């Protein structure tokens, strides 16, 4: 690993940032950000393979785990936490695991990412098994906590993937389905919460959204299984039900929606 070159840690193309005007700083950050979707596009074949195996495993009763440290871990937890309300998937089927535990979501936890055994230990707490898929997330591709977890998964025939922003990293070598999105040096040298973090978020959006479509949590282009947790979502669900069922009375549609708990269930009850 000592000889591995991390593009994510290379010096910024920009110098003397403190001397730039606010307008120039914003313009240059924006210029760099425009490169991220192009880098993701080059990785689409890798993402497709990962999505296909996750979909198959989840349809067979498996779960999806994201595991990471720092920004990468937080992005995994963010994606996992949005799946139940968005797609009505039961809690515990998409799980985010972060080095240092829940405190690390808000605060840096010293040395947590340096433990080779810690990642596997945290996965074991969830009863990880060979039906599941584990996606390791690390911009550098060198985080021991994540690599160690994937290596232990491989020993136990648990399918693994990864999302990293360096090519040919130790993390990619430890993953069955690596996704490498090489975005280049950051605007602020080594600040991988910027372009690298954006790339990881875009890939996570792609993976989870496509998997949810593949396992039947979306109909047409609608989130028919979303949880009705606030007035905005109830209103959206009511209008969705009216559109799909032909019910013209808003109040009646809303009562049906609230009675059955989701657009999908209300439609199944009204359209036979």
C-alpha atoms as a PDB file:
ATOM      1  CA  UNK A   1       0.000   0.000   0.000  1.00  0.00           C
ATOM      2  CA  UNK A   2       2.971   2.307   0.597  1.00  0.00           C
ATOM      3  CA  UNK A   3       3.708   2.499  -3.141  1.00  0.00           C
ATOM      4  CA  UNK A   4       0.076   3.124  -4.113  1.00  0.00           C
ATOM      5  CA  UNK A   5      -0.396   6.594  -5.641  1.00  0.00           C
ATOM      6  CA  UNK A   6      -3.543   8.374  -4.463  1.00  0.00           C
ATOM      7  CA  UNK A   7      -4.804  10.834  -7.046  1.00  0.00           C
ATOM      8  CA  UNK A   8      -7.225  12.077  -4.396  1.00  0.00           C
ATOM      9  CA  UNK A   9      -4.261  13.334  -2.334  1.00  0.00           C
ATOM     10  CA  UNK A  10      -2.350  15.027  -5.148  1.00  0.00           C
ATOM     11  CA  UNK A  11      -1.861  18.814  -4.968  1.00  0.00           C
ATOM     12  CA  UNK A  12      -4.699  21.035  -6.146  1.00  0.00           C
ATOM     13  CA  UNK A  13      -4.368  22.565  -9.605  1.00  0.00           C
ATOM     14  CA  UNK A  14      -5.047  25.916  -7.940  1.00  0.00           C
ATOM     15  CA  UNK A  15      -2.603  27.927  -5.834  1.00  0.00           C
ATOM     16  CA  UNK A  16      -2.967  30.690  -3.257  1.00  0.00           C
ATOM     17  CA  UNK A  17      -6.687  30.136  -2.690  1.00  0.00           C
ATOM     18  CA  UNK A  18      -6.641  32.741   0.081  1.00  0.00           C
ATOM     19  CA  UNK A  19      -5.812  35.406  -2.506  1.00  0.00           C
ATOM     20  CA  UNK A  20      -8.757  34.592  -4.777  1.00  0.00           C
ATOM     21  CA  UNK A  21     -11.928  36.651  -4.777  1.00  0.00           C
ATOM     22  CA  UNK A  22     -15.110  34.972  -3.588  1.00  0.00           C
ATOM     23  CA  UNK A  23     -16.357  34.941  -7.168  1.00  0.00           C
ATOM     24  CA  UNK A  24     -13.189  33.180  -8.377  1.00  0.00           C
ATOM     25  CA  UNK A  25     -13.326  30.586  -5.588  1.00  0.00           C
ATOM     26  CA  UNK A  26     -16.928  29.733  -6.404  1.00  0.00           C
ATOM     27  CA  UNK A  27     -16.264  29.661 -10.139  1.00  0.00           C
ATOM     28  CA  UNK A  28     -13.282  27.343  -9.754  1.00  0.00           C
ATOM     29  CA  UNK A  29     -15.093  24.966  -7.402  1.00  0.00           C
ATOM     30  CA  UNK A  30     -17.959  24.846  -9.878  1.00  0.00           C
ATOM     31  CA  UNK A  31     -15.523  24.162 -12.711  1.00  0.00           C
ATOM     32  CA  UNK A  32     -14.098  21.204 -10.828  1.00  0.00           C
ATOM     33  CA  UNK A  33     -17.547  19.908  -9.874  1.00  0.00           C
ATOM     34  CA  UNK A  34     -18.527  19.744 -13.544  1.00  0.00           C
ATOM     35  CA  UNK A  35     -15.925  17.001 -14.011  1.00  0.00           C
ATOM     36  CA  UNK A  36     -17.630  14.667 -11.534  1.00  0.00           C
ATOM     37  CA  UNK A  37     -20.600  13.440 -13.643  1.00  0.00           C
ATOM     38  CA  UNK A  38     -18.221  12.791 -16.548  1.00  0.00           C
ATOM     39  CA  UNK A  39     -16.068  10.619 -14.299  1.00  0.00           C
ATOM     40  CA  UNK A  40     -19.159   8.763 -13.066  1.00  0.00           C
ATOM     41  CA  UNK A  41     -20.230   8.174 -16.680  1.00  0.00           C
ATOM     42  CA  UNK A  42     -16.984   6.309 -17.362  1.00  0.00           C
ATOM     43  CA  UNK A  43     -17.812   3.986 -14.458  1.00  0.00           C
ATOM     44  CA  UNK A  44     -21.341   3.072 -15.580  1.00  0.00           C
ATOM     45  CA  UNK A  45     -20.392  -0.477 -16.683  1.00  0.00           C
ATOM     46  CA  UNK A  46     -18.937  -1.139 -13.214  1.00  0.00           C
ATOM     47  CA  UNK A  47     -22.001   0.350 -11.522  1.00  0.00           C
ATOM     48  CA  UNK A  48     -24.294  -1.797 -13.672  1.00  0.00           C
ATOM     49  CA  UNK A  49     -22.595  -5.009 -12.546  1.00  0.00           C
ATOM     50  CA  UNK A  50     -22.830  -3.962  -8.900  1.00  0.00           C
ATOM     51  CA  UNK A  51     -26.513  -3.028  -9.173  1.00  0.00           C
ATOM     52  CA  UNK A  52     -27.346  -6.335 -10.849  1.00  0.00           C
ATOM     53  CA  UNK A  53     -25.830  -8.433  -8.076  1.00  0.00           C
ATOM     54  CA  UNK A  54     -27.355  -6.303  -5.291  1.00  0.00           C
ATOM     55  CA  UNK A  55     -30.790  -6.618  -6.903  1.00  0.00           C
ATOM     56  CA  UNK A  56     -30.450 -10.395  -7.229  1.00  0.00           C
ATOM     57  CA  UNK A  57     -29.288 -10.808  -3.634  1.00  0.00           C
ATOM     58  CA  UNK A  58     -32.067  -8.619  -2.214  1.00  0.00           C
ATOM     59  CA  UNK A  59     -34.734 -10.428  -4.239  1.00  0.00           C
ATOM     60  CA  UNK A  60     -33.365 -13.651  -2.743  1.00  0.00           C
ATOM     61  CA  UNK A  61     -33.825 -12.297   0.787  1.00  0.00           C
ATOM     62  CA  UNK A  62     -30.484 -10.589   1.370  1.00  0.00           C
ATOM     63  CA  UNK A  63     -29.652  -7.171   2.714  1.00  0.00           C
ATOM     64  CA  UNK A  64     -27.460  -4.316   1.484  1.00  0.00           C
ATOM     65  CA  UNK A  65     -24.737  -2.934   3.748  1.00  0.00           C
ATOM     66  CA  UNK A  66     -22.704   0.224   3.226  1.00  0.00           C
ATOM     67  CA  UNK A  67     -19.522   0.490   5.279  1.00  0.00           C
ATOM     68  CA  UNK A  68     -17.132   3.428   5.482  1.00  0.00           C
ATOM     69  CA  UNK A  69     -15.317   5.939   7.661  1.00  0.00           C
ATOM     70  CA  UNK A  70     -15.640   9.716   7.927  1.00  0.00           C
ATOM     71  CA  UNK A  71     -17.380  11.402   4.991  1.00  0.00           C
ATOM     72  CA  UNK A  72     -17.678   8.099   3.124  1.00  0.00           C
ATOM     73  CA  UNK A  73     -19.362   6.420   6.069  1.00  0.00           C
ATOM     74  CA  UNK A  74     -21.747   9.333   6.551  1.00  0.00           C
ATOM     75  CA  UNK A  75     -22.763   9.225   2.889  1.00  0.00           C
ATOM     76  CA  UNK A  76     -23.564   5.527   3.225  1.00  0.00           C
ATOM     77  CA  UNK A  77     -25.673   6.141   6.308  1.00  0.00           C
ATOM     78  CA  UNK A  78     -27.474   9.001   4.545  1.00  0.00           C
ATOM     79  CA  UNK A  79     -28.391   6.791   1.592  1.00  0.00           C
ATOM     80  CA  UNK A  80     -29.465   3.894   3.807  1.00  0.00           C
ATOM     81  CA  UNK A  81     -31.599   6.108   6.050  1.00  0.00           C
ATOM     82  CA  UNK A  82     -33.560   7.512   3.105  1.00  0.00           C
ATOM     83  CA  UNK A  83     -34.659   4.142   1.704  1.00  0.00           C
ATOM     84  CA  UNK A  84     -37.500   3.274   4.158  1.00  0.00           C
ATOM     85  CA  UNK A  85     -39.351   6.621   3.896  1.00  0.00           C
ATOM     86  CA  UNK A  86     -38.807   6.937   0.141  1.00  0.00           C
ATOM     87  CA  UNK A  87     -39.608   3.394  -0.925  1.00  0.00           C
ATOM     88  CA  UNK A  88     -41.416   1.913   2.079  1.00  0.00           C
ATOM     89  CA  UNK A  89     -38.771  -0.773   2.474  1.00  0.00           C
ATOM     90  CA  UNK A  90     -38.720  -2.184   6.035  1.00  0.00           C
ATOM     91  CA  UNK A  91     -35.986  -0.922   8.345  1.00  0.00           C
ATOM     92  CA  UNK A  92     -32.932  -3.152   8.450  1.00  0.00           C
ATOM     93  CA  UNK A  93     -32.742  -4.156   4.788  1.00  0.00           C
ATOM     94  CA  UNK A  94     -30.370  -1.357   3.775  1.00  0.00           C
ATOM     95  CA  UNK A  95     -27.891  -0.628   6.569  1.00  0.00           C
ATOM     96  CA  UNK A  96     -25.149   1.972   6.906  1.00  0.00           C
ATOM     97  CA  UNK A  97     -22.150   1.135   9.103  1.00  0.00           C
ATOM     98  CA  UNK A  98     -19.556   3.765  10.052  1.00  0.00           C
ATOM     99  CA  UNK A  99     -16.193   3.496  11.814  1.00  0.00           C
ATOM    100  CA  UNK A 100     -16.624   4.785  15.356  1.00  0.00           C
ATOM    101  CA  UNK A 101     -20.347   4.059  15.553  1.00  0.00           C
ATOM    102  CA  UNK A 102     -23.213   6.525  15.804  1.00  0.00           C
ATOM    103  CA  UNK A 103     -21.099   9.244  17.425  1.00  0.00           C
ATOM    104  CA  UNK A 104     -18.981   9.336  14.254  1.00  0.00           C
ATOM    105  CA  UNK A 105     -21.977  10.554  12.250  1.00  0.00           C
ATOM    106  CA  UNK A 106     -21.550  13.960  13.889  1.00  0.00           C
ATOM    107  CA  UNK A 107     -18.054  13.936  15.349  1.00  0.00           C
ATOM    108  CA  UNK A 108     -14.616  12.705  14.220  1.00  0.00           C
ATOM    109  CA  UNK A 109     -13.589   9.579  16.146  1.00  0.00           C
ATOM    110  CA  UNK A 110      -9.808   9.274  16.391  1.00  0.00           C
ATOM    111  CA  UNK A 111      -8.181   6.211  14.825  1.00  0.00           C
ATOM    112  CA  UNK A 112     -11.498   4.400  14.244  1.00  0.00           C
ATOM    113  CA  UNK A 113     -10.786   4.002  10.534  1.00  0.00           C
ATOM    114  CA  UNK A 114      -7.344   2.466  11.211  1.00  0.00           C
ATOM    115  CA  UNK A 115      -8.686  -0.777  12.688  1.00  0.00           C
ATOM    116  CA  UNK A 116      -8.427  -3.754  10.303  1.00  0.00           C
ATOM    117  CA  UNK A 117     -10.726  -5.812  12.528  1.00  0.00           C
ATOM    118  CA  UNK A 118     -13.241  -3.103  13.428  1.00  0.00           C
ATOM    119  CA  UNK A 119     -15.260  -3.169  10.219  1.00  0.00           C
ATOM    120  CA  UNK A 120     -15.911  -6.896  10.301  1.00  0.00           C
ATOM    121  CA  UNK A 121     -16.728  -6.688  14.001  1.00  0.00           C
ATOM    122  CA  UNK A 122     -19.366  -4.045  13.305  1.00  0.00           C
ATOM    123  CA  UNK A 123     -20.871  -6.125  10.477  1.00  0.00           C
ATOM    124  CA  UNK A 124     -21.062  -9.159  12.751  1.00  0.00           C
ATOM    125  CA  UNK A 125     -23.295  -7.177  15.118  1.00  0.00           C
ATOM    126  CA  UNK A 126     -25.926  -7.256  12.349  1.00  0.00           C
ATOM    127  CA  UNK A 127     -25.711 -10.993  11.797  1.00  0.00           C
ATOM    128  CA  UNK A 128     -24.108 -10.590   8.373  1.00  0.00           C
ATOM    129  CA  UNK A 129     -24.411 -13.714   6.185  1.00  0.00           C
ATOM    130  CA  UNK A 130     -23.820 -14.946   2.642  1.00  0.00           C
ATOM    131  CA  UNK A 131     -27.196 -13.693   1.403  1.00  0.00           C
ATOM    132  CA  UNK A 132     -26.083 -10.097   1.982  1.00  0.00           C
ATOM    133  CA  UNK A 133     -24.014  -7.641  -0.075  1.00  0.00           C
ATOM    134  CA  UNK A 134     -21.465  -5.280   1.474  1.00  0.00           C
ATOM    135  CA  UNK A 135     -20.360  -2.130  -0.357  1.00  0.00           C
ATOM    136  CA  UNK A 136     -17.224  -0.514   1.040  1.00  0.00           C
ATOM    137  CA  UNK A 137     -16.956   3.239   0.535  1.00  0.00           C
ATOM    138  CA  UNK A 138     -13.589   5.015   0.720  1.00  0.00           C
ATOM    139  CA  UNK A 139     -12.386   7.872  -1.461  1.00  0.00           C
ATOM    140  CA  UNK A 140      -8.745   6.898  -0.991  1.00  0.00           C
ATOM    141  CA  UNK A 141      -9.343   3.175  -1.383  1.00  0.00           C
ATOM    142  CA  UNK A 142      -6.891   2.548   1.473  1.00  0.00           C
ATOM    143  CA  UNK A 143      -9.025   2.713   4.647  1.00  0.00           C
ATOM    144  CA  UNK A 144      -8.102  -0.308   6.825  1.00  0.00           C
ATOM    145  CA  UNK A 145     -11.530  -0.435   8.524  1.00  0.00           C
ATOM    146  CA  UNK A 146     -13.208  -0.907   5.139  1.00  0.00           C
ATOM    147  CA  UNK A 147     -10.615  -3.118   3.447  1.00  0.00           C
ATOM    148  CA  UNK A 148     -10.471  -5.443   6.453  1.00  0.00           C
ATOM    149  CA  UNK A 149     -14.249  -5.809   6.427  1.00  0.00           C
ATOM    150  CA  UNK A 150     -14.331  -6.716   2.733  1.00  0.00           C
ATOM    151  CA  UNK A 151     -11.479  -9.196   3.099  1.00  0.00           C
ATOM    152  CA  UNK A 152     -13.349 -10.985   5.889  1.00  0.00           C
ATOM    153  CA  UNK A 153     -16.511 -10.992   3.793  1.00  0.00           C
ATOM    154  CA  UNK A 154     -14.624 -12.611   0.911  1.00  0.00           C
ATOM    155  CA  UNK A 155     -13.403 -15.398   3.204  1.00  0.00           C
ATOM    156  CA  UNK A 156     -17.046 -16.151   4.004  1.00  0.00           C
ATOM    157  CA  UNK A 157     -18.404 -15.950   0.429  1.00  0.00           C
ATOM    158  CA  UNK A 158     -20.279 -12.708   1.120  1.00  0.00           C
ATOM    159  CA  UNK A 159     -20.615 -10.598  -2.056  1.00  0.00           C
ATOM    160  CA  UNK A 160     -18.746  -7.306  -1.902  1.00  0.00           C
ATOM    161  CA  UNK A 161     -18.547  -4.101  -3.890  1.00  0.00           C
ATOM    162  CA  UNK A 162     -16.838  -0.779  -3.355  1.00  0.00           C
ATOM    163  CA  UNK A 163     -16.973   2.873  -4.350  1.00  0.00           C
ATOM    164  CA  UNK A 164     -13.586   4.575  -4.486  1.00  0.00           C
ATOM    165  CA  UNK A 165     -12.003   7.524  -6.280  1.00  0.00           C
ATOM    166  CA  UNK A 166      -8.558   6.070  -6.992  1.00  0.00           C
ATOM    167  CA  UNK A 167      -7.789   3.502  -9.659  1.00  0.00           C
ATOM    168  CA  UNK A 168      -6.185   0.178  -8.717  1.00  0.00           C
ATOM    169  CA  UNK A 169      -6.593   0.681  -4.980  1.00  0.00           C
ATOM    170  CA  UNK A 170      -6.283  -1.995  -2.266  1.00  0.00           C
ATOM    171  CA  UNK A 171     -10.006  -1.570  -1.616  1.00  0.00           C
ATOM    172  CA  UNK A 172     -10.885  -2.331  -5.246  1.00  0.00           C
ATOM    173  CA  UNK A 173      -8.664  -5.430  -5.055  1.00  0.00           C
ATOM    174  CA  UNK A 174     -10.650  -6.615  -2.028  1.00  0.00           C
ATOM    175  CA  UNK A 175     -14.047  -6.129  -3.740  1.00  0.00           C
ATOM    176  CA  UNK A 176     -15.853  -8.490  -6.092  1.00  0.00           C
ATOM    177  CA  UNK A 177     -17.554  -5.571  -7.868  1.00  0.00           C
ATOM    178  CA  UNK A 178     -15.375  -2.445  -7.626  1.00  0.00           C
ATOM    179  CA  UNK A 179     -16.593   0.959  -8.793  1.00  0.00           C
ATOM    180  CA  UNK A 180     -13.739   3.392  -9.420  1.00  0.00           C
ATOM    181  CA  UNK A 181     -14.690   7.020 -10.112  1.00  0.00           C
ATOM    182  CA  UNK A 182     -11.466   8.955 -10.642  1.00  0.00           C
ATOM    183  CA  UNK A 183     -12.247  12.646 -10.220  1.00  0.00           C
ATOM    184  CA  UNK A 184      -8.669  13.862  -9.817  1.00  0.00           C
ATOM    185  CA  UNK A 185      -7.153  16.232  -7.245  1.00  0.00           C
ATOM    186  CA  UNK A 186      -9.494  18.261  -5.054  1.00  0.00           C
ATOM    187  CA  UNK A 187      -9.826  22.063  -5.176  1.00  0.00           C
ATOM    188  CA  UNK A 188      -8.483  22.126  -1.618  1.00  0.00           C
ATOM    189  CA  UNK A 189      -5.707  19.521  -1.602  1.00  0.00           C
ATOM    190  CA  UNK A 190      -6.893  16.258  -0.047  1.00  0.00           C
ATOM    191  CA  UNK A 191     -10.375  17.532   0.867  1.00  0.00           C
ATOM    192  CA  UNK A 192     -12.203  14.461  -0.395  1.00  0.00           C
ATOM    193  CA  UNK A 193     -15.534  15.608   0.986  1.00  0.00           C
ATOM    194  CA  UNK A 194     -15.659  17.740  -2.164  1.00  0.00           C
ATOM    195  CA  UNK A 195     -15.427  16.099  -5.635  1.00  0.00           C
ATOM    196  CA  UNK A 196     -14.852  12.605  -4.265  1.00  0.00           C
ATOM    197  CA  UNK A 197     -17.783  12.927  -1.885  1.00  0.00           C
ATOM    198  CA  UNK A 198     -19.987  14.237  -4.693  1.00  0.00           C
ATOM    199  CA  UNK A 199     -18.993  11.289  -6.885  1.00  0.00           C
ATOM    200  CA  UNK A 200     -19.773   8.819  -4.102  1.00  0.00           C
ATOM    201  CA  UNK A 201     -23.179  10.420  -3.524  1.00  0.00           C
ATOM    202  CA  UNK A 202     -24.026  10.237  -7.230  1.00  0.00           C
ATOM    203  CA  UNK A 203     -23.083   6.555  -7.366  1.00  0.00           C
ATOM    204  CA  UNK A 204     -25.030   5.774  -4.186  1.00  0.00           C
ATOM    205  CA  UNK A 205     -28.076   7.510  -5.682  1.00  0.00           C
ATOM    206  CA  UNK A 206     -27.724   5.349  -8.796  1.00  0.00           C
ATOM    207  CA  UNK A 207     -27.221   2.103  -6.901  1.00  0.00           C
ATOM    208  CA  UNK A 208     -30.059   2.418  -4.396  1.00  0.00           C
ATOM    209  CA  UNK A 209     -32.573   3.973  -6.817  1.00  0.00           C
ATOM    210  CA  UNK A 210     -31.966   1.376  -9.516  1.00  0.00           C
ATOM    211  CA  UNK A 211     -32.086  -1.477  -7.015  1.00  0.00           C
ATOM    212  CA  UNK A 212     -35.396  -0.202  -5.623  1.00  0.00           C
ATOM    213  CA  UNK A 213     -36.825  -0.107  -9.164  1.00  0.00           C
ATOM    214  CA  UNK A 214     -35.500  -3.601  -9.863  1.00  0.00           C
ATOM    215  CA  UNK A 215     -37.085  -5.106  -6.743  1.00  0.00           C
ATOM    216  CA  UNK A 216     -40.484  -3.542  -7.449  1.00  0.00           C
ATOM    217  CA  UNK A 217     -40.634  -0.523  -5.151  1.00  0.00           C
ATOM    218  CA  UNK A 218     -41.453   1.886  -8.013  1.00  0.00           C
ATOM    219  CA  UNK A 219     -44.352   1.788 -10.475  1.00  0.00           C
ATOM    220  CA  UNK A 220     -44.234   3.897 -13.635  1.00  0.00           C
ATOM    221  CA  UNK A 221     -42.146   6.785 -12.283  1.00  0.00           C
ATOM    222  CA  UNK A 222     -43.833   6.984  -8.876  1.00  0.00           C
ATOM    223  CA  UNK A 223     -42.756   6.139  -5.320  1.00  0.00           C
ATOM    224  CA  UNK A 224     -45.956   4.181  -4.667  1.00  0.00           C
ATOM    225  CA  UNK A 225     -44.603   2.644  -1.433  1.00  0.00           C
ATOM    226  CA  UNK A 226     -43.357   5.849   0.217  1.00  0.00           C
ATOM    227  CA  UNK A 227     -44.133   6.326   3.901  1.00  0.00           C
ATOM    228  CA  UNK A 228     -46.769   8.958   4.691  1.00  0.00           C
ATOM    229  CA  UNK A 229     -44.704  10.738   7.306  1.00  0.00           C
ATOM    230  CA  UNK A 230     -45.704  14.364   6.687  1.00  0.00           C
ATOM    231  CA  UNK A 231     -48.336  16.524   4.997  1.00  0.00           C
ATOM    232  CA  UNK A 232     -46.232  17.005   1.850  1.00  0.00           C
ATOM    233  CA  UNK A 233     -45.987  13.267   1.273  1.00  0.00           C
ATOM    234  CA  UNK A 234     -49.673  12.714   2.083  1.00  0.00           C
ATOM    235  CA  UNK A 235     -50.590  15.365  -0.483  1.00  0.00           C
ATOM    236  CA  UNK A 236     -48.244  13.838  -3.055  1.00  0.00           C
ATOM    237  CA  UNK A 237     -49.660  10.376  -2.368  1.00  0.00           C
ATOM    238  CA  UNK A 238     -53.244  11.611  -2.614  1.00  0.00           C
ATOM    239  CA  UNK A 239     -52.643  13.196  -6.014  1.00  0.00           C
ATOM    240  CA  UNK A 240     -50.804  10.071  -7.139  1.00  0.00           C
ATOM    241  CA  UNK A 241     -53.751   7.914  -6.104  1.00  0.00           C
ATOM    242  CA  UNK A 242     -56.207  10.215  -7.891  1.00  0.00           C
ATOM    243  CA  UNK A 243     -54.146  10.058 -11.069  1.00  0.00           C
ATOM    244  CA  UNK A 244     -53.766   6.276 -11.030  1.00  0.00           C
ATOM    245  CA  UNK A 245     -57.269   5.325  -9.846  1.00  0.00           C
ATOM    246  CA  UNK A 246     -59.437   7.907 -11.571  1.00  0.00           C
ATOM    247  CA  UNK A 247     -60.863   9.128  -8.248  1.00  0.00           C
ATOM    248  CA  UNK A 248     -61.729  12.806  -8.722  1.00  0.00           C
ATOM    249  CA  UNK A 249     -62.569  13.661  -5.101  1.00  0.00           C
ATOM    250  CA  UNK A 250     -59.397  14.755  -3.251  1.00  0.00           C
ATOM    251  CA  UNK A 251     -60.857  14.127   0.213  1.00  0.00           C
ATOM    252  CA  UNK A 252     -62.026  10.634  -0.698  1.00  0.00           C
ATOM    253  CA  UNK A 253     -58.654   9.778  -2.202  1.00  0.00           C
ATOM    254  CA  UNK A 254     -56.840  11.038   0.888  1.00  0.00           C
ATOM    255  CA  UNK A 255     -59.078   9.017   3.209  1.00  0.00           C
ATOM    256  CA  UNK A 256     -58.381   5.870   1.177  1.00  0.00           C
ATOM    257  CA  UNK A 257     -54.664   6.581   1.186  1.00  0.00           C
ATOM    258  CA  UNK A 258     -54.511   7.065   4.942  1.00  0.00           C
ATOM    259  CA  UNK A 259     -56.667   3.995   5.544  1.00  0.00           C
ATOM    260  CA  UNK A 260     -54.452   1.661   3.517  1.00  0.00           C
ATOM    261  CA  UNK A 261     -51.137   3.364   4.335  1.00  0.00           C
ATOM    262  CA  UNK A 262     -49.602   3.578   0.864  1.00  0.00           C
ATOM    263  CA  UNK A 263     -50.524   4.404  -2.712  1.00  0.00           C
ATOM    264  CA  UNK A 264     -49.781   0.838  -3.781  1.00  0.00           C
ATOM    265  CA  UNK A 265     -52.083  -0.754  -1.204  1.00  0.00           C
ATOM    266  CA  UNK A 266     -54.853   1.771  -1.858  1.00  0.00           C
ATOM    267  CA  UNK A 267     -54.628   1.056  -5.591  1.00  0.00           C
ATOM    268  CA  UNK A 268     -54.747  -2.680  -5.026  1.00  0.00           C
ATOM    269  CA  UNK A 269     -57.934  -2.217  -2.985  1.00  0.00           C
ATOM    270  CA  UNK A 270     -59.693   0.113  -5.427  1.00  0.00           C
ATOM    271  CA  UNK A 271     -58.599  -1.315  -8.797  1.00  0.00           C
ATOM    272  CA  UNK A 272     -59.472  -4.966  -9.195  1.00  0.00           C
END
